[in-house]
Amino acid sequence: MNKTKLPVGYKPSENEEFMNPNQLEYFRQKLLHWKKELIGEANETLASLSEGGILEADLADRATVETDRALELRTRDRARKLISKIDMALERIEDGSYGYCEETGEPIGIKRLEARPIATLSIEAQERHEKMEKIYRDE
């Protein structure tokens, strides 16, 4: 993909062509930055977990440390899944499908992508999806 140089302070708006080269580059950079942050946090976790065993003699302190580690590992697992979704969004930027709803093909919308740059469904399709999940979950 041809890398576009963004104007300083560029923010996508609804008043320009949807998914023009500036918007695509803006979201590409946003996703890459988010991925870099997540990988940095994962590396910090790995370093702290590899610092050795649990040295606390007190049973309550040991339990607290083990609980903290388990929580940290769950958080890292969520981050790993998020990185996978970021990678898929970056692939969609490359193949030209980024920003369009997987179900309807309609634009997802700038505001939604700003809030959730890995979104694959428009708000309407997401709401339908969640409503169907709730119906089947309640049965």
C-alpha atoms as a PDB file:
ATOM      1  CA  MET A   1       0.000   0.000   0.000  1.00  0.00           C
ATOM      2  CA  ASN A   2       1.217   3.485  -0.797  1.00  0.00           C
ATOM      3  CA  LYS A   3       1.990   5.193   2.526  1.00  0.00           C
ATOM      4  CA  THR A   4       0.428   8.637   2.753  1.00  0.00           C
ATOM      5  CA  LYS A   5       2.102  11.395   4.770  1.00  0.00           C
ATOM      6  CA  LEU A   6      -0.541  12.827   7.060  1.00  0.00           C
ATOM      7  CA  PRO A   7      -0.893  16.580   7.528  1.00  0.00           C
ATOM      8  CA  VAL A   8       0.145  17.648  11.044  1.00  0.00           C
ATOM      9  CA  GLY A   9      -2.768  17.352  13.468  1.00  0.00           C
ATOM     10  CA  TYR A  10      -4.951  15.533  10.936  1.00  0.00           C
ATOM     11  CA  LYS A  11      -8.240  14.120  12.243  1.00  0.00           C
ATOM     12  CA  PRO A  12     -10.688  12.290   9.960  1.00  0.00           C
ATOM     13  CA  SER A  13     -14.030  13.968   9.432  1.00  0.00           C
ATOM     14  CA  GLU A  14     -17.418  13.055   7.981  1.00  0.00           C
ATOM     15  CA  ASN A  15     -16.983  15.921   5.462  1.00  0.00           C
ATOM     16  CA  GLU A  16     -14.370  14.139   3.363  1.00  0.00           C
ATOM     17  CA  GLU A  17     -14.463  11.068   1.143  1.00  0.00           C
ATOM     18  CA  PHE A  18     -14.859   7.984   3.354  1.00  0.00           C
ATOM     19  CA  MET A  19     -11.667   5.919   3.664  1.00  0.00           C
ATOM     20  CA  ASN A  20      -9.597   8.242   1.509  1.00  0.00           C
ATOM     21  CA  PRO A  21      -5.792   7.760   1.702  1.00  0.00           C
ATOM     22  CA  ASN A  22      -5.479  10.162   4.686  1.00  0.00           C
ATOM     23  CA  GLN A  23      -8.149   8.337   6.673  1.00  0.00           C
ATOM     24  CA  LEU A  24      -6.642   4.948   5.901  1.00  0.00           C
ATOM     25  CA  GLU A  25      -3.185   6.126   6.967  1.00  0.00           C
ATOM     26  CA  TYR A  26      -4.612   7.766  10.100  1.00  0.00           C
ATOM     27  CA  PHE A  27      -6.267   4.519  11.209  1.00  0.00           C
ATOM     28  CA  ARG A  28      -3.224   2.464  10.186  1.00  0.00           C
ATOM     29  CA  GLN A  29      -1.020   4.603  12.439  1.00  0.00           C
ATOM     30  CA  LYS A  30      -3.602   4.514  15.251  1.00  0.00           C
ATOM     31  CA  LEU A  31      -3.753   0.694  15.099  1.00  0.00           C
ATOM     32  CA  LEU A  32       0.048   0.324  14.934  1.00  0.00           C
ATOM     33  CA  HIS A  33       0.462   2.633  17.950  1.00  0.00           C
ATOM     34  CA  TRP A  34      -2.140   0.656  19.941  1.00  0.00           C
ATOM     35  CA  LYS A  35      -0.435  -2.624  19.023  1.00  0.00           C
ATOM     36  CA  LYS A  36       2.963  -1.254  20.089  1.00  0.00           C
ATOM     37  CA  GLU A  37       1.522  -0.216  23.476  1.00  0.00           C
ATOM     38  CA  LEU A  38      -0.017  -3.658  24.031  1.00  0.00           C
ATOM     39  CA  ILE A  39       3.228  -5.437  23.128  1.00  0.00           C
ATOM     40  CA  GLY A  40       5.169  -3.136  25.475  1.00  0.00           C
ATOM     41  CA  GLU A  41       2.792  -3.948  28.325  1.00  0.00           C
ATOM     42  CA  ALA A  42       3.062  -7.666  27.562  1.00  0.00           C
ATOM     43  CA  ASN A  43       6.857  -7.476  27.679  1.00  0.00           C
ATOM     44  CA  GLU A  44       6.691  -5.721  31.071  1.00  0.00           C
ATOM     45  CA  THR A  45       4.396  -8.481  32.366  1.00  0.00           C
ATOM     46  CA  LEU A  46       6.715 -11.175  31.072  1.00  0.00           C
ATOM     47  CA  ALA A  47       9.690  -9.513  32.766  1.00  0.00           C
ATOM     48  CA  SER A  48       7.884  -9.204  36.105  1.00  0.00           C
ATOM     49  CA  LEU A  49       6.579 -12.792  35.967  1.00  0.00           C
ATOM     50  CA  SER A  50      10.026 -14.163  35.194  1.00  0.00           C
ATOM     51  CA  GLU A  51      11.633 -12.394  38.154  1.00  0.00           C
ATOM     52  CA  GLY A  52      11.322 -15.553  40.172  1.00  0.00           C
ATOM     53  CA  GLY A  53       9.056 -17.411  42.489  1.00  0.00           C
ATOM     54  CA  ILE A  54       6.785 -16.126  45.150  1.00  0.00           C
ATOM     55  CA  LEU A  55       8.965 -15.183  48.096  1.00  0.00           C
ATOM     56  CA  GLU A  56       6.290 -14.086  50.555  1.00  0.00           C
ATOM     57  CA  ALA A  57       6.358 -16.250  53.674  1.00  0.00           C
ATOM     58  CA  ASP A  58       2.901 -15.209  54.847  1.00  0.00           C
ATOM     59  CA  LEU A  59       0.150 -17.371  53.317  1.00  0.00           C
ATOM     60  CA  ALA A  60      -2.205 -14.420  52.793  1.00  0.00           C
ATOM     61  CA  ASP A  61       0.533 -12.443  51.036  1.00  0.00           C
ATOM     62  CA  ARG A  62       1.324 -15.415  48.801  1.00  0.00           C
ATOM     63  CA  ALA A  63      -2.338 -15.808  47.904  1.00  0.00           C
ATOM     64  CA  THR A  64      -2.540 -12.111  47.022  1.00  0.00           C
ATOM     65  CA  VAL A  65       0.530 -12.348  44.786  1.00  0.00           C
ATOM     66  CA  GLU A  66      -0.841 -15.467  43.047  1.00  0.00           C
ATOM     67  CA  THR A  67      -4.207 -13.783  42.512  1.00  0.00           C
ATOM     68  CA  ASP A  68      -2.475 -10.710  41.070  1.00  0.00           C
ATOM     69  CA  ARG A  69      -0.453 -12.903  38.698  1.00  0.00           C
ATOM     70  CA  ALA A  70      -3.553 -14.783  37.530  1.00  0.00           C
ATOM     71  CA  LEU A  71      -5.332 -11.484  36.871  1.00  0.00           C
ATOM     72  CA  GLU A  72      -2.300 -10.178  34.992  1.00  0.00           C
ATOM     73  CA  LEU A  73      -2.183 -13.315  32.838  1.00  0.00           C
ATOM     74  CA  ARG A  74      -5.896 -12.983  31.991  1.00  0.00           C
ATOM     75  CA  THR A  75      -5.311  -9.347  31.071  1.00  0.00           C
ATOM     76  CA  ARG A  76      -2.410 -10.364  28.835  1.00  0.00           C
ATOM     77  CA  ASP A  77      -4.558 -13.031  27.180  1.00  0.00           C
ATOM     78  CA  ARG A  78      -7.164 -10.373  26.364  1.00  0.00           C
ATOM     79  CA  ALA A  79      -4.363  -8.169  25.015  1.00  0.00           C
ATOM     80  CA  ARG A  80      -3.134 -11.047  22.829  1.00  0.00           C
ATOM     81  CA  LYS A  81      -6.628 -11.443  21.359  1.00  0.00           C
ATOM     82  CA  LEU A  82      -6.814  -7.681  20.831  1.00  0.00           C
ATOM     83  CA  ILE A  83      -3.473  -7.706  18.975  1.00  0.00           C
ATOM     84  CA  SER A  84      -4.896 -10.387  16.691  1.00  0.00           C
ATOM     85  CA  LYS A  85      -7.925  -8.165  15.965  1.00  0.00           C
ATOM     86  CA  ILE A  86      -5.596  -5.208  15.326  1.00  0.00           C
ATOM     87  CA  ASP A  87      -3.618  -7.320  12.848  1.00  0.00           C
ATOM     88  CA  MET A  88      -6.863  -8.272  11.064  1.00  0.00           C
ATOM     89  CA  ALA A  89      -7.851  -4.577  10.896  1.00  0.00           C
ATOM     90  CA  LEU A  90      -4.435  -3.739   9.403  1.00  0.00           C
ATOM     91  CA  GLU A  91      -5.013  -6.466   6.792  1.00  0.00           C
ATOM     92  CA  ARG A  92      -8.396  -4.895   5.964  1.00  0.00           C
ATOM     93  CA  ILE A  93      -6.644  -1.545   5.437  1.00  0.00           C
ATOM     94  CA  GLU A  94      -4.279  -3.257   2.994  1.00  0.00           C
ATOM     95  CA  ASP A  95      -7.040  -5.074   1.086  1.00  0.00           C
ATOM     96  CA  GLY A  96      -9.373  -2.040   0.951  1.00  0.00           C
ATOM     97  CA  SER A  97     -12.196  -3.431   3.104  1.00  0.00           C
ATOM     98  CA  TYR A  98     -11.374  -1.438   6.264  1.00  0.00           C
ATOM     99  CA  GLY A  99     -14.128   0.821   7.539  1.00  0.00           C
ATOM    100  CA  TYR A 100     -16.963  -1.088   5.878  1.00  0.00           C
ATOM    101  CA  CYS A 101     -19.449  -3.327   7.699  1.00  0.00           C
ATOM    102  CA  GLU A 102     -18.814  -7.057   7.184  1.00  0.00           C
ATOM    103  CA  GLU A 103     -22.583  -7.697   7.087  1.00  0.00           C
ATOM    104  CA  THR A 104     -23.992  -4.820   5.068  1.00  0.00           C
ATOM    105  CA  GLY A 105     -20.990  -3.391   3.212  1.00  0.00           C
ATOM    106  CA  GLU A 106     -22.042   0.061   4.419  1.00  0.00           C
ATOM    107  CA  PRO A 107     -19.504   2.499   5.936  1.00  0.00           C
ATOM    108  CA  ILE A 108     -19.046   1.861   9.667  1.00  0.00           C
ATOM    109  CA  GLY A 109     -18.570   5.578  10.342  1.00  0.00           C
ATOM    110  CA  ILE A 110     -15.680   7.740  11.480  1.00  0.00           C
ATOM    111  CA  LYS A 111     -16.908   8.259  15.061  1.00  0.00           C
ATOM    112  CA  ARG A 112     -17.325   4.518  15.625  1.00  0.00           C
ATOM    113  CA  LEU A 113     -13.897   3.776  14.136  1.00  0.00           C
ATOM    114  CA  GLU A 114     -12.333   6.491  16.299  1.00  0.00           C
ATOM    115  CA  ALA A 115     -13.833   4.851  19.387  1.00  0.00           C
ATOM    116  CA  ARG A 116     -13.193   1.260  18.245  1.00  0.00           C
ATOM    117  CA  PRO A 117     -10.720   1.107  15.342  1.00  0.00           C
ATOM    118  CA  ILE A 118     -11.034  -2.700  15.181  1.00  0.00           C
ATOM    119  CA  ALA A 119     -14.810  -2.541  14.563  1.00  0.00           C
ATOM    120  CA  THR A 120     -16.048  -4.799  11.759  1.00  0.00           C
ATOM    121  CA  LEU A 121     -19.774  -4.041  12.050  1.00  0.00           C
ATOM    122  CA  SER A 122     -21.784  -0.839  11.762  1.00  0.00           C
ATOM    123  CA  ILE A 123     -23.605   0.219  14.928  1.00  0.00           C
ATOM    124  CA  GLU A 124     -26.893  -1.073  13.485  1.00  0.00           C
ATOM    125  CA  ALA A 125     -25.404  -4.476  12.570  1.00  0.00           C
ATOM    126  CA  GLN A 126     -23.665  -4.696  15.970  1.00  0.00           C
ATOM    127  CA  GLU A 127     -26.948  -3.961  17.767  1.00  0.00           C
ATOM    128  CA  ARG A 128     -28.734  -6.654  15.703  1.00  0.00           C
ATOM    129  CA  HIS A 129     -25.926  -9.081  16.490  1.00  0.00           C
ATOM    130  CA  GLU A 130     -26.107  -8.335  20.243  1.00  0.00           C
ATOM    131  CA  LYS A 131     -29.917  -8.602  20.212  1.00  0.00           C
ATOM    132  CA  MET A 132     -29.690 -12.054  18.576  1.00  0.00           C
ATOM    133  CA  GLU A 133     -27.038 -13.131  21.107  1.00  0.00           C
ATOM    134  CA  LYS A 134     -29.313 -12.039  23.953  1.00  0.00           C
ATOM    135  CA  ILE A 135     -32.310 -13.880  22.500  1.00  0.00           C
ATOM    136  CA  TYR A 136     -30.365 -17.132  22.149  1.00  0.00           C
ATOM    137  CA  ARG A 137     -28.643 -16.703  25.515  1.00  0.00           C
ATOM    138  CA  ASP A 138     -31.982 -16.208  27.302  1.00  0.00           C
ATOM    139  CA  GLU A 139     -33.509 -19.388  25.834  1.00  0.00           C
END
